[in-house]
Amino acid sequence: MQSTININNLSREEKLKVMEEIWEDLSRDEEEVESPNWHQEALKETERRLSSGQEKIVDWQVAKKELRERFE
């Protein structure tokens, strides 16, 4: 069965709720989803940059604030 939703008619809150429900559904079977090779390479690169001091760890609340300010 296929259903379609015209997301243009949904409020922002409704769109976020739909996204959350989709994510919950996809997350239930995470063992069935194989991580792509590029993702493993990106993680290794981040670890390398962190070890060499080129990358820093930022608190999640601080990171969200900085991103919001950057894209407002």
PDB file of N, CA and C in Angstrom:
ATOM      1  N   MET A   1       0.845  -1.177   0.000  1.00  0.00           N
ATOM      2  CA  MET A   1       0.000   0.000   0.000  1.00  0.00           C
ATOM      3  C   MET A   1       0.892   1.242   0.000  1.00  0.00           C
ATOM      4  N   GLN A   2       0.592   2.151  -0.872  1.00  0.00           N
ATOM      5  CA  GLN A   2       1.373   3.378  -0.957  1.00  0.00           C
ATOM      6  C   GLN A   2       0.476   4.560  -0.611  1.00  0.00           C
ATOM      7  N   SER A   3       0.987   5.429   0.238  1.00  0.00           N
ATOM      8  CA  SER A   3       0.231   6.630   0.551  1.00  0.00           C
ATOM      9  C   SER A   3       1.133   7.828   0.311  1.00  0.00           C
ATOM     10  N   THR A   4       0.538   8.895  -0.118  1.00  0.00           N
ATOM     11  CA  THR A   4       1.297  10.117  -0.349  1.00  0.00           C
ATOM     12  C   THR A   4       0.692  11.224   0.482  1.00  0.00           C
ATOM     13  N   ILE A   5       1.568  12.113   0.917  1.00  0.00           N
ATOM     14  CA  ILE A   5       1.156  13.247   1.737  1.00  0.00           C
ATOM     15  C   ILE A   5       1.607  14.506   1.022  1.00  0.00           C
ATOM     16  N   ASN A   6       0.691  15.452   0.874  1.00  0.00           N
ATOM     17  CA  ASN A   6       1.073  16.734   0.299  1.00  0.00           C
ATOM     18  C   ASN A   6       1.639  17.570   1.437  1.00  0.00           C
ATOM     19  N   ILE A   7       2.977  17.560   1.555  1.00  0.00           N
ATOM     20  CA  ILE A   7       3.606  18.230   2.690  1.00  0.00           C
ATOM     21  C   ILE A   7       3.462  19.741   2.639  1.00  0.00           C
ATOM     22  N   ASN A   8       3.154  20.279   1.470  1.00  0.00           N
ATOM     23  CA  ASN A   8       2.983  21.727   1.364  1.00  0.00           C
ATOM     24  C   ASN A   8       1.830  22.232   2.223  1.00  0.00           C
ATOM     25  N   ASN A   9       0.876  21.361   2.499  1.00  0.00           N
ATOM     26  CA  ASN A   9      -0.286  21.767   3.286  1.00  0.00           C
ATOM     27  C   ASN A   9      -0.100  21.554   4.785  1.00  0.00           C
ATOM     28  N   LEU A  10       1.040  20.971   5.190  1.00  0.00           N
ATOM     29  CA  LEU A  10       1.279  20.712   6.598  1.00  0.00           C
ATOM     30  C   LEU A  10       1.956  21.908   7.262  1.00  0.00           C
ATOM     31  N   SER A  11       1.658  22.086   8.539  1.00  0.00           N
ATOM     32  CA  SER A  11       2.341  23.128   9.302  1.00  0.00           C
ATOM     33  C   SER A  11       3.758  22.646   9.605  1.00  0.00           C
ATOM     34  N   ARG A  12       4.599  23.541  10.051  1.00  0.00           N
ATOM     35  CA  ARG A  12       5.971  23.168  10.428  1.00  0.00           C
ATOM     36  C   ARG A  12       5.949  22.090  11.515  1.00  0.00           C
ATOM     37  N   GLU A  13       5.082  22.265  12.502  1.00  0.00           N
ATOM     38  CA  GLU A  13       4.964  21.295  13.589  1.00  0.00           C
ATOM     39  C   GLU A  13       4.548  19.927  13.055  1.00  0.00           C
ATOM     40  N   GLU A  14       3.599  19.902  12.134  1.00  0.00           N
ATOM     41  CA  GLU A  14       3.144  18.635  11.557  1.00  0.00           C
ATOM     42  C   GLU A  14       4.262  17.969  10.743  1.00  0.00           C
ATOM     43  N   LYS A  15       5.021  18.767  10.003  1.00  0.00           N
ATOM     44  CA  LYS A  15       6.138  18.229   9.214  1.00  0.00           C
ATOM     45  C   LYS A  15       7.180  17.596  10.130  1.00  0.00           C
ATOM     46  N   LEU A  16       7.499  18.267  11.234  1.00  0.00           N
ATOM     47  CA  LEU A  16       8.471  17.727  12.175  1.00  0.00           C
ATOM     48  C   LEU A  16       7.966  16.430  12.803  1.00  0.00           C
ATOM     49  N   LYS A  17       6.686  16.376  13.101  1.00  0.00           N
ATOM     50  CA  LYS A  17       6.096  15.161  13.678  1.00  0.00           C
ATOM     51  C   LYS A  17       6.194  14.002  12.688  1.00  0.00           C
ATOM     52  N   VAL A  18       5.914  14.257  11.425  1.00  0.00           N
ATOM     53  CA  VAL A  18       6.023  13.221  10.398  1.00  0.00           C
ATOM     54  C   VAL A  18       7.468  12.741  10.290  1.00  0.00           C
ATOM     55  N   MET A  19       8.413  13.682  10.306  1.00  0.00           N
ATOM     56  CA  MET A  19       9.829  13.315  10.249  1.00  0.00           C
ATOM     57  C   MET A  19      10.214  12.430  11.433  1.00  0.00           C
ATOM     58  N   GLU A  20       9.748  12.793  12.626  1.00  0.00           N
ATOM     59  CA  GLU A  20      10.047  12.006  13.817  1.00  0.00           C
ATOM     60  C   GLU A  20       9.482  10.594  13.698  1.00  0.00           C
ATOM     61  N   GLU A  21       8.275  10.474  13.196  1.00  0.00           N
ATOM     62  CA  GLU A  21       7.649   9.165  13.051  1.00  0.00           C
ATOM     63  C   GLU A  21       8.395   8.320  12.021  1.00  0.00           C
ATOM     64  N   ILE A  22       8.821   8.940  10.927  1.00  0.00           N
ATOM     65  CA  ILE A  22       9.594   8.216   9.915  1.00  0.00           C
ATOM     66  C   ILE A  22      10.914   7.751  10.514  1.00  0.00           C
ATOM     67  N   TRP A  23      11.592   8.639  11.243  1.00  0.00           N
ATOM     68  CA  TRP A  23      12.880   8.278  11.839  1.00  0.00           C
ATOM     69  C   TRP A  23      12.712   7.123  12.834  1.00  0.00           C
ATOM     70  N   GLU A  24      11.684   7.188  13.673  1.00  0.00           N
ATOM     71  CA  GLU A  24      11.428   6.106  14.634  1.00  0.00           C
ATOM     72  C   GLU A  24      11.214   4.790  13.902  1.00  0.00           C
ATOM     73  N   ASP A  25      10.454   4.829  12.819  1.00  0.00           N
ATOM     74  CA  ASP A  25      10.187   3.617  12.054  1.00  0.00           C
ATOM     75  C   ASP A  25      11.472   3.055  11.445  1.00  0.00           C
ATOM     76  N   LEU A  26      12.288   3.923  10.857  1.00  0.00           N
ATOM     77  CA  LEU A  26      13.538   3.476  10.259  1.00  0.00           C
ATOM     78  C   LEU A  26      14.515   2.972  11.309  1.00  0.00           C
ATOM     79  N   SER A  27      14.516   3.572  12.479  1.00  0.00           N
ATOM     80  CA  SER A  27      15.457   3.215  13.541  1.00  0.00           C
ATOM     81  C   SER A  27      15.166   1.849  14.157  1.00  0.00           C
ATOM     82  N   ARG A  28      13.952   1.390  14.042  1.00  0.00           N
ATOM     83  CA  ARG A  28      13.594   0.096  14.628  1.00  0.00           C
ATOM     84  C   ARG A  28      14.400  -1.046  14.027  1.00  0.00           C
ATOM     85  N   ASP A  29      14.739  -0.939  12.767  1.00  0.00           N
ATOM     86  CA  ASP A  29      15.429  -2.016  12.065  1.00  0.00           C
ATOM     87  C   ASP A  29      16.825  -1.579  11.656  1.00  0.00           C
ATOM     88  N   GLU A  30      17.551  -0.905  12.560  1.00  0.00           N
ATOM     89  CA  GLU A  30      18.850  -0.351  12.203  1.00  0.00           C
ATOM     90  C   GLU A  30      19.861  -1.422  11.819  1.00  0.00           C
ATOM     91  N   GLU A  31      19.703  -2.662  12.328  1.00  0.00           N
ATOM     92  CA  GLU A  31      20.623  -3.729  11.954  1.00  0.00           C
ATOM     93  C   GLU A  31      20.517  -4.055  10.464  1.00  0.00           C
ATOM     94  N   GLU A  32      19.362  -3.802   9.881  1.00  0.00           N
ATOM     95  CA  GLU A  32      19.138  -4.114   8.473  1.00  0.00           C
ATOM     96  C   GLU A  32      19.722  -3.053   7.544  1.00  0.00           C
ATOM     97  N   VAL A  33      20.078  -1.898   8.091  1.00  0.00           N
ATOM     98  CA  VAL A  33      20.606  -0.818   7.267  1.00  0.00           C
ATOM     99  C   VAL A  33      22.125  -0.849   7.333  1.00  0.00           C
ATOM    100  N   GLU A  34      22.733  -1.077   6.188  1.00  0.00           N
ATOM    101  CA  GLU A  34      24.192  -1.124   6.133  1.00  0.00           C
ATOM    102  C   GLU A  34      24.734   0.286   5.928  1.00  0.00           C
ATOM    103  N   SER A  35      25.682   0.647   6.757  1.00  0.00           N
ATOM    104  CA  SER A  35      26.304   1.956   6.640  1.00  0.00           C
ATOM    105  C   SER A  35      27.155   1.987   5.373  1.00  0.00           C
ATOM    106  N   PRO A  36      27.043   3.048   4.573  1.00  0.00           N
ATOM    107  CA  PRO A  36      27.832   3.109   3.329  1.00  0.00           C
ATOM    108  C   PRO A  36      29.322   3.304   3.634  1.00  0.00           C
ATOM    109  N   ASN A  37      30.166   2.869   2.715  1.00  0.00           N
ATOM    110  CA  ASN A  37      31.616   2.968   2.891  1.00  0.00           C
ATOM    111  C   ASN A  37      32.069   4.401   3.138  1.00  0.00           C
ATOM    112  N   TRP A  38      31.459   5.368   2.457  1.00  0.00           N
ATOM    113  CA  TRP A  38      31.887   6.754   2.608  1.00  0.00           C
ATOM    114  C   TRP A  38      31.693   7.233   4.047  1.00  0.00           C
ATOM    115  N   HIS A  39      30.699   6.663   4.740  1.00  0.00           N
ATOM    116  CA  HIS A  39      30.444   7.081   6.111  1.00  0.00           C
ATOM    117  C   HIS A  39      31.580   6.627   7.026  1.00  0.00           C
ATOM    118  N   GLN A  40      32.026   5.396   6.862  1.00  0.00           N
ATOM    119  CA  GLN A  40      33.149   4.895   7.652  1.00  0.00           C
ATOM    120  C   GLN A  40      34.397   5.734   7.384  1.00  0.00           C
ATOM    121  N   GLU A  41      34.625   6.096   6.135  1.00  0.00           N
ATOM    122  CA  GLU A  41      35.781   6.927   5.792  1.00  0.00           C
ATOM    123  C   GLU A  41      35.670   8.320   6.425  1.00  0.00           C
ATOM    124  N   ALA A  42      34.474   8.875   6.437  1.00  0.00           N
ATOM    125  CA  ALA A  42      34.265  10.193   7.044  1.00  0.00           C
ATOM    126  C   ALA A  42      34.527  10.136   8.550  1.00  0.00           C
ATOM    127  N   LEU A  43      34.110   9.065   9.205  1.00  0.00           N
ATOM    128  CA  LEU A  43      34.370   8.908  10.637  1.00  0.00           C
ATOM    129  C   LEU A  43      35.870   8.794  10.912  1.00  0.00           C
ATOM    130  N   LYS A  44      36.578   8.025  10.087  1.00  0.00           N
ATOM    131  CA  LYS A  44      38.035   7.889  10.247  1.00  0.00           C
ATOM    132  C   LYS A  44      38.726   9.236  10.062  1.00  0.00           C
ATOM    133  N   GLU A  45      38.277   9.997   9.077  1.00  0.00           N
ATOM    134  CA  GLU A  45      38.872  11.315   8.813  1.00  0.00           C
ATOM    135  C   GLU A  45      38.627  12.259   9.995  1.00  0.00           C
ATOM    136  N   THR A  46      37.445  12.219  10.547  1.00  0.00           N
ATOM    137  CA  THR A  46      37.144  13.052  11.712  1.00  0.00           C
ATOM    138  C   THR A  46      38.009  12.653  12.900  1.00  0.00           C
ATOM    139  N   GLU A  47      38.173  11.360  13.130  1.00  0.00           N
ATOM    140  CA  GLU A  47      39.035  10.892  14.215  1.00  0.00           C
ATOM    141  C   GLU A  47      40.476  11.347  13.992  1.00  0.00           C
ATOM    142  N   ARG A  48      40.949  11.293  12.750  1.00  0.00           N
ATOM    143  CA  ARG A  48      42.300  11.729  12.433  1.00  0.00           C
ATOM    144  C   ARG A  48      42.469  13.213  12.727  1.00  0.00           C
ATOM    145  N   ARG A  49      41.476  14.014  12.285  1.00  0.00           N
ATOM    146  CA  ARG A  49      41.531  15.459  12.510  1.00  0.00           C
ATOM    147  C   ARG A  49      41.462  15.794  14.003  1.00  0.00           C
ATOM    148  N   LEU A  50      40.682  15.043  14.744  1.00  0.00           N
ATOM    149  CA  LEU A  50      40.585  15.252  16.190  1.00  0.00           C
ATOM    150  C   LEU A  50      41.925  14.934  16.862  1.00  0.00           C
ATOM    151  N   SER A  51      42.525  13.827  16.481  1.00  0.00           N
ATOM    152  CA  SER A  51      43.813  13.421  17.061  1.00  0.00           C
ATOM    153  C   SER A  51      44.924  14.410  16.754  1.00  0.00           C
ATOM    154  N   SER A  52      44.872  15.019  15.556  1.00  0.00           N
ATOM    155  CA  SER A  52      45.934  15.940  15.154  1.00  0.00           C
ATOM    156  C   SER A  52      45.685  17.377  15.630  1.00  0.00           C
ATOM    157  N   GLY A  53      44.537  17.606  16.282  1.00  0.00           N
ATOM    158  CA  GLY A  53      44.234  18.940  16.779  1.00  0.00           C
ATOM    159  C   GLY A  53      43.569  19.852  15.762  1.00  0.00           C
ATOM    160  N   GLN A  54      43.258  19.327  14.586  1.00  0.00           N
ATOM    161  CA  GLN A  54      42.596  20.126  13.551  1.00  0.00           C
ATOM    162  C   GLN A  54      41.092  20.239  13.782  1.00  0.00           C
ATOM    163  N   GLU A  55      40.583  19.391  14.646  1.00  0.00           N
ATOM    164  CA  GLU A  55      39.138  19.345  14.932  1.00  0.00           C
ATOM    165  C   GLU A  55      38.988  19.478  16.439  1.00  0.00           C
ATOM    166  N   LYS A  56      37.892  20.087  16.881  1.00  0.00           N
ATOM    167  CA  LYS A  56      37.658  20.187  18.311  1.00  0.00           C
ATOM    168  C   LYS A  56      36.261  19.685  18.640  1.00  0.00           C
ATOM    169  N   ILE A  57      36.106  19.225  19.848  1.00  0.00           N
ATOM    170  CA  ILE A  57      34.806  18.761  20.325  1.00  0.00           C
ATOM    171  C   ILE A  57      34.063  19.966  20.870  1.00  0.00           C
ATOM    172  N   VAL A  58      32.806  20.110  20.441  1.00  0.00           N
ATOM    173  CA  VAL A  58      31.977  21.233  20.872  1.00  0.00           C
ATOM    174  C   VAL A  58      30.728  20.670  21.543  1.00  0.00           C
ATOM    175  N   ASP A  59      30.366  21.249  22.669  1.00  0.00           N
ATOM    176  CA  ASP A  59      29.140  20.876  23.355  1.00  0.00           C
ATOM    177  C   ASP A  59      27.952  21.009  22.395  1.00  0.00           C
ATOM    178  N   TRP A  60      27.026  20.049  22.432  1.00  0.00           N
ATOM    179  CA  TRP A  60      25.906  20.029  21.492  1.00  0.00           C
ATOM    180  C   TRP A  60      25.061  21.299  21.580  1.00  0.00           C
ATOM    181  N   GLN A  61      24.811  21.803  22.776  1.00  0.00           N
ATOM    182  CA  GLN A  61      24.006  23.020  22.919  1.00  0.00           C
ATOM    183  C   GLN A  61      24.719  24.209  22.283  1.00  0.00           C
ATOM    184  N   VAL A  62      26.025  24.297  22.466  1.00  0.00           N
ATOM    185  CA  VAL A  62      26.823  25.371  21.866  1.00  0.00           C
ATOM    186  C   VAL A  62      26.814  25.237  20.343  1.00  0.00           C
ATOM    187  N   ALA A  63      26.983  24.004  19.857  1.00  0.00           N
ATOM    188  CA  ALA A  63      26.993  23.775  18.410  1.00  0.00           C
ATOM    189  C   ALA A  63      25.666  24.185  17.779  1.00  0.00           C
ATOM    190  N   LYS A  64      24.550  23.819  18.402  1.00  0.00           N
ATOM    191  CA  LYS A  64      23.236  24.201  17.863  1.00  0.00           C
ATOM    192  C   LYS A  64      23.095  25.715  17.808  1.00  0.00           C
ATOM    193  N   LYS A  65      23.526  26.382  18.868  1.00  0.00           N
ATOM    194  CA  LYS A  65      23.431  27.849  18.912  1.00  0.00           C
ATOM    195  C   LYS A  65      24.259  28.471  17.795  1.00  0.00           C
ATOM    196  N   GLU A  66      25.488  27.988  17.630  1.00  0.00           N
ATOM    197  CA  GLU A  66      26.356  28.518  16.568  1.00  0.00           C
ATOM    198  C   GLU A  66      25.787  28.286  15.182  1.00  0.00           C
ATOM    199  N   LEU A  67      25.217  27.101  14.959  1.00  0.00           N
ATOM    200  CA  LEU A  67      24.618  26.807  13.654  1.00  0.00           C
ATOM    201  C   LEU A  67      23.391  27.682  13.389  1.00  0.00           C
ATOM    202  N   ARG A  68      22.562  27.854  14.406  1.00  0.00           N
ATOM    203  CA  ARG A  68      21.391  28.714  14.230  1.00  0.00           C
ATOM    204  C   ARG A  68      21.803  30.139  13.876  1.00  0.00           C
ATOM    205  N   GLU A  69      22.821  30.648  14.577  1.00  0.00           N
ATOM    206  CA  GLU A  69      23.293  31.996  14.307  1.00  0.00           C
ATOM    207  C   GLU A  69      23.888  32.103  12.901  1.00  0.00           C
ATOM    208  N   ARG A  70      24.596  31.071  12.481  1.00  0.00           N
ATOM    209  CA  ARG A  70      25.238  31.087  11.166  1.00  0.00           C
ATOM    210  C   ARG A  70      24.200  31.075  10.031  1.00  0.00           C
ATOM    211  N   PHE A  71      23.083  30.377  10.225  1.00  0.00           N
ATOM    212  CA  PHE A  71      22.125  30.201   9.136  1.00  0.00           C
ATOM    213  C   PHE A  71      20.867  31.034   9.278  1.00  0.00           C
ATOM    214  N   GLU A  72      20.835  31.976  10.212  1.00  0.00           N
ATOM    215  CA  GLU A  72      19.659  32.844  10.343  1.00  0.00           C
ATOM    216  C   GLU A  72      19.695  33.946   9.314  1.00  0.00           C
TER     217      GLU A  72
END
